[in-house]
Amino acid sequence: MDVPWLWQWSAGLVRTSPYFEARGYSPSKGHPLHPYVRSIFRARAWQAYRNETILPTGSVDILFNLGEPLRILRELPTPEMVFGRGAWVTGISETYVTTEPVGQVDLLGVSLHAEACTSILRLPAHELANRCVEGTEVFADLSALAERLSEM
């Protein structure tokens, strides 16, 4: 069976520099993930950079930190936290977040449309608003998936 959307990843967004690489994919209309997934992305940095400011996107993200920890600086309720190895889920944010890497960065993420995330996460989006929680608080076996991904 020929499924043309399976091969669209290679045609996705690619940004590279000597120190950074980002690849992304957004399911096109007609793709079975389109109603739920805004994008799937991978970001890698080989040298620590000073920081990155991430603006609110209106999405809920499932993140797999396959690299070294990232410091997360944000407004209240949690002004600072460390985003260690493993799986994390971030809710819709009303403000920007600044990340400061400790070392090499290797993130794999799935951004979900906020209006559709309830069907995947099985909890209302407002319970994650302005929060970043360990993946196991949302999916019991998400840490096992993160471990398998880090071995690839």
C-alpha atoms as a PDB file:
ATOM      1  CA  MET A   1       0.000   0.000   0.000  1.00  0.00           C
ATOM      2  CA  ASP A   2       1.448   3.374  -1.001  1.00  0.00           C
ATOM      3  CA  VAL A   3       1.050   5.949   1.764  1.00  0.00           C
ATOM      4  CA  PRO A   4       2.563   9.193   0.431  1.00  0.00           C
ATOM      5  CA  TRP A   5       2.327  11.125   3.711  1.00  0.00           C
ATOM      6  CA  LEU A   6       4.790   8.697   5.335  1.00  0.00           C
ATOM      7  CA  TRP A   7       7.621  10.213   3.314  1.00  0.00           C
ATOM      8  CA  GLN A   8       6.904  13.876   3.994  1.00  0.00           C
ATOM      9  CA  TRP A   9       9.292  14.073   6.987  1.00  0.00           C
ATOM     10  CA  SER A  10      12.283  14.566   4.702  1.00  0.00           C
ATOM     11  CA  ALA A  11      10.519  17.518   3.076  1.00  0.00           C
ATOM     12  CA  GLY A  12       9.902  19.173   6.454  1.00  0.00           C
ATOM     13  CA  LEU A  13      11.528  22.219   7.957  1.00  0.00           C
ATOM     14  CA  VAL A  14      15.290  21.934   8.310  1.00  0.00           C
ATOM     15  CA  ARG A  15      17.461  24.604   9.936  1.00  0.00           C
ATOM     16  CA  THR A  16      21.126  23.996  10.464  1.00  0.00           C
ATOM     17  CA  SER A  17      24.270  25.786  11.567  1.00  0.00           C
ATOM     18  CA  PRO A  18      27.647  24.416  12.670  1.00  0.00           C
ATOM     19  CA  TYR A  19      26.253  24.169  16.214  1.00  0.00           C
ATOM     20  CA  PHE A  20      22.516  23.599  15.820  1.00  0.00           C
ATOM     21  CA  GLU A  21      20.077  21.518  13.793  1.00  0.00           C
ATOM     22  CA  ALA A  22      16.287  21.589  13.848  1.00  0.00           C
ATOM     23  CA  ARG A  23      13.984  19.389  11.801  1.00  0.00           C
ATOM     24  CA  GLY A  24      10.241  19.535  11.791  1.00  0.00           C
ATOM     25  CA  TYR A  25       7.236  17.940  10.190  1.00  0.00           C
ATOM     26  CA  SER A  26       3.598  19.057  10.119  1.00  0.00           C
ATOM     27  CA  PRO A  27       0.976  16.549   9.014  1.00  0.00           C
ATOM     28  CA  SER A  28      -0.839  17.746   5.902  1.00  0.00           C
ATOM     29  CA  LYS A  29      -4.610  17.827   5.501  1.00  0.00           C
ATOM     30  CA  GLY A  30      -5.903  14.313   4.999  1.00  0.00           C
ATOM     31  CA  HIS A  31      -3.172  12.784   7.162  1.00  0.00           C
ATOM     32  CA  PRO A  32      -4.682  10.798  10.072  1.00  0.00           C
ATOM     33  CA  LEU A  33      -2.641  12.855  12.587  1.00  0.00           C
ATOM     34  CA  HIS A  34      -3.617  16.259  11.158  1.00  0.00           C
ATOM     35  CA  PRO A  35      -6.563  16.880  13.537  1.00  0.00           C
ATOM     36  CA  TYR A  36      -4.372  16.165  16.573  1.00  0.00           C
ATOM     37  CA  VAL A  37      -0.724  16.933  15.788  1.00  0.00           C
ATOM     38  CA  ARG A  38       0.503  20.423  14.922  1.00  0.00           C
ATOM     39  CA  SER A  39       4.106  19.277  14.403  1.00  0.00           C
ATOM     40  CA  ILE A  40       6.764  16.729  15.234  1.00  0.00           C
ATOM     41  CA  PHE A  41      10.231  18.146  15.670  1.00  0.00           C
ATOM     42  CA  ARG A  42      13.785  17.371  16.709  1.00  0.00           C
ATOM     43  CA  ALA A  43      16.285  19.970  17.871  1.00  0.00           C
ATOM     44  CA  ARG A  44      19.965  19.312  18.533  1.00  0.00           C
ATOM     45  CA  ALA A  45      22.782  21.609  19.619  1.00  0.00           C
ATOM     46  CA  TRP A  46      26.359  20.418  19.886  1.00  0.00           C
ATOM     47  CA  GLN A  47      27.656  23.304  21.966  1.00  0.00           C
ATOM     48  CA  ALA A  48      25.893  25.012  24.793  1.00  0.00           C
ATOM     49  CA  TYR A  49      24.364  28.297  23.685  1.00  0.00           C
ATOM     50  CA  ARG A  50      23.496  31.126  26.041  1.00  0.00           C
ATOM     51  CA  ASN A  51      19.727  30.807  25.953  1.00  0.00           C
ATOM     52  CA  GLU A  52      16.686  30.608  23.754  1.00  0.00           C
ATOM     53  CA  THR A  53      13.386  32.384  24.236  1.00  0.00           C
ATOM     54  CA  ILE A  54      10.363  30.323  23.237  1.00  0.00           C
ATOM     55  CA  LEU A  55       7.167  32.269  22.624  1.00  0.00           C
ATOM     56  CA  PRO A  56       3.692  30.853  23.383  1.00  0.00           C
ATOM     57  CA  THR A  57       2.326  28.775  20.502  1.00  0.00           C
ATOM     58  CA  GLY A  58      -1.090  27.699  21.745  1.00  0.00           C
ATOM     59  CA  SER A  59      -0.079  24.045  21.667  1.00  0.00           C
ATOM     60  CA  VAL A  60       0.415  21.283  24.200  1.00  0.00           C
ATOM     61  CA  ASP A  61       3.780  19.546  23.806  1.00  0.00           C
ATOM     62  CA  ILE A  62       5.037  16.076  24.618  1.00  0.00           C
ATOM     63  CA  LEU A  63       8.818  16.436  24.876  1.00  0.00           C
ATOM     64  CA  PHE A  64      11.544  13.841  25.101  1.00  0.00           C
ATOM     65  CA  ASN A  65      14.826  15.218  26.428  1.00  0.00           C
ATOM     66  CA  LEU A  66      17.423  12.824  25.032  1.00  0.00           C
ATOM     67  CA  GLY A  67      20.338  15.117  25.847  1.00  0.00           C
ATOM     68  CA  GLU A  68      21.661  16.947  28.864  1.00  0.00           C
ATOM     69  CA  PRO A  69      19.437  18.973  31.212  1.00  0.00           C
ATOM     70  CA  LEU A  70      17.968  22.346  30.286  1.00  0.00           C
ATOM     71  CA  ARG A  71      17.245  25.097  32.792  1.00  0.00           C
ATOM     72  CA  ILE A  72      13.809  26.564  32.232  1.00  0.00           C
ATOM     73  CA  LEU A  73      13.220  30.156  33.302  1.00  0.00           C
ATOM     74  CA  ARG A  74       9.666  31.476  33.204  1.00  0.00           C
ATOM     75  CA  GLU A  75       7.115  33.568  34.975  1.00  0.00           C
ATOM     76  CA  LEU A  76       5.143  32.174  37.886  1.00  0.00           C
ATOM     77  CA  PRO A  77       3.886  29.609  39.007  1.00  0.00           C
ATOM     78  CA  THR A  78       7.257  27.846  38.600  1.00  0.00           C
ATOM     79  CA  PRO A  79       9.934  30.492  38.016  1.00  0.00           C
ATOM     80  CA  GLU A  80      12.788  28.030  37.484  1.00  0.00           C
ATOM     81  CA  MET A  81      13.073  24.310  36.926  1.00  0.00           C
ATOM     82  CA  VAL A  82      15.455  21.813  35.388  1.00  0.00           C
ATOM     83  CA  PHE A  83      14.182  19.834  32.423  1.00  0.00           C
ATOM     84  CA  GLY A  84      16.179  16.610  32.833  1.00  0.00           C
ATOM     85  CA  ARG A  85      16.410  13.497  30.670  1.00  0.00           C
ATOM     86  CA  GLY A  86      13.140  11.740  30.064  1.00  0.00           C
ATOM     87  CA  ALA A  87       9.631  12.692  29.005  1.00  0.00           C
ATOM     88  CA  TRP A  88       7.819  15.931  29.801  1.00  0.00           C
ATOM     89  CA  VAL A  89       4.445  17.400  28.943  1.00  0.00           C
ATOM     90  CA  THR A  90       3.968  21.162  28.684  1.00  0.00           C
ATOM     91  CA  GLY A  91       0.619  22.881  28.595  1.00  0.00           C
ATOM     92  CA  ILE A  92      -0.497  26.011  26.838  1.00  0.00           C
ATOM     93  CA  SER A  93       1.607  28.900  28.079  1.00  0.00           C
ATOM     94  CA  GLU A  94       0.485  32.485  28.467  1.00  0.00           C
ATOM     95  CA  THR A  95       4.038  33.806  28.568  1.00  0.00           C
ATOM     96  CA  TYR A  96       7.430  33.148  27.060  1.00  0.00           C
ATOM     97  CA  VAL A  97       9.878  30.586  28.405  1.00  0.00           C
ATOM     98  CA  THR A  98      13.654  30.943  28.326  1.00  0.00           C
ATOM     99  CA  THR A  99      15.817  27.815  28.119  1.00  0.00           C
ATOM    100  CA  GLU A 100      19.471  27.631  29.124  1.00  0.00           C
ATOM    101  CA  PRO A 101      21.266  24.416  28.175  1.00  0.00           C
ATOM    102  CA  VAL A 102      23.789  22.807  30.475  1.00  0.00           C
ATOM    103  CA  GLY A 103      25.471  20.932  27.613  1.00  0.00           C
ATOM    104  CA  GLN A 104      24.441  19.189  24.415  1.00  0.00           C
ATOM    105  CA  VAL A 105      20.783  19.513  23.482  1.00  0.00           C
ATOM    106  CA  ASP A 106      18.762  16.692  21.926  1.00  0.00           C
ATOM    107  CA  LEU A 107      14.998  17.195  22.042  1.00  0.00           C
ATOM    108  CA  LEU A 108      12.278  15.266  20.248  1.00  0.00           C
ATOM    109  CA  GLY A 109       8.814  16.748  20.518  1.00  0.00           C
ATOM    110  CA  VAL A 110       5.221  16.350  19.443  1.00  0.00           C
ATOM    111  CA  SER A 111       3.113  19.523  19.471  1.00  0.00           C
ATOM    112  CA  LEU A 112      -0.589  18.835  19.808  1.00  0.00           C
ATOM    113  CA  HIS A 113      -3.425  21.140  18.819  1.00  0.00           C
ATOM    114  CA  ALA A 114      -4.764  22.369  22.161  1.00  0.00           C
ATOM    115  CA  GLU A 115      -8.379  21.793  21.155  1.00  0.00           C
ATOM    116  CA  ALA A 116      -7.656  18.134  20.334  1.00  0.00           C
ATOM    117  CA  CYS A 117      -5.208  17.247  23.096  1.00  0.00           C
ATOM    118  CA  THR A 118      -7.957  16.024  25.436  1.00  0.00           C
ATOM    119  CA  SER A 119      -8.630  13.047  23.164  1.00  0.00           C
ATOM    120  CA  ILE A 120      -4.953  12.029  23.373  1.00  0.00           C
ATOM    121  CA  LEU A 121      -3.997  13.049  26.913  1.00  0.00           C
ATOM    122  CA  ARG A 122      -7.309  12.120  28.558  1.00  0.00           C
ATOM    123  CA  LEU A 123      -7.321  15.244  30.703  1.00  0.00           C
ATOM    124  CA  PRO A 124      -8.558  18.780  30.110  1.00  0.00           C
ATOM    125  CA  ALA A 125      -5.995  21.172  28.615  1.00  0.00           C
ATOM    126  CA  HIS A 126      -6.580  23.709  31.408  1.00  0.00           C
ATOM    127  CA  GLU A 127      -5.040  21.265  33.919  1.00  0.00           C
ATOM    128  CA  LEU A 128      -1.704  21.692  32.128  1.00  0.00           C
ATOM    129  CA  ALA A 129      -1.985  25.438  31.461  1.00  0.00           C
ATOM    130  CA  ASN A 130       1.291  27.225  32.257  1.00  0.00           C
ATOM    131  CA  ARG A 131       2.776  23.983  33.566  1.00  0.00           C
ATOM    132  CA  CYS A 132       5.523  21.561  32.631  1.00  0.00           C
ATOM    133  CA  VAL A 133       5.113  18.140  34.253  1.00  0.00           C
ATOM    134  CA  GLU A 134       6.962  14.856  34.096  1.00  0.00           C
ATOM    135  CA  GLY A 135       5.498  12.648  31.390  1.00  0.00           C
ATOM    136  CA  THR A 136       4.540   9.913  33.844  1.00  0.00           C
ATOM    137  CA  GLU A 137       1.971  12.296  35.392  1.00  0.00           C
ATOM    138  CA  VAL A 138       0.076  12.082  32.097  1.00  0.00           C
ATOM    139  CA  PHE A 139       1.065   8.661  30.669  1.00  0.00           C
ATOM    140  CA  ALA A 140       2.285   5.958  33.058  1.00  0.00           C
ATOM    141  CA  ASP A 141       4.679   4.399  30.528  1.00  0.00           C
ATOM    142  CA  LEU A 142       6.023   7.567  28.854  1.00  0.00           C
ATOM    143  CA  SER A 143       9.363   7.270  30.673  1.00  0.00           C
ATOM    144  CA  ALA A 144       9.867   3.799  29.165  1.00  0.00           C
ATOM    145  CA  LEU A 145       9.291   5.259  25.699  1.00  0.00           C
ATOM    146  CA  ALA A 146      11.786   8.055  26.454  1.00  0.00           C
ATOM    147  CA  GLU A 147      14.356   5.461  27.493  1.00  0.00           C
ATOM    148  CA  ARG A 148      13.855   3.490  24.269  1.00  0.00           C
ATOM    149  CA  LEU A 149      14.182   6.679  22.204  1.00  0.00           C
ATOM    150  CA  SER A 150      17.444   7.601  23.932  1.00  0.00           C
ATOM    151  CA  GLU A 151      18.905   4.209  22.995  1.00  0.00           C
ATOM    152  CA  MET A 152      18.290   4.805  19.259  1.00  0.00           C
END
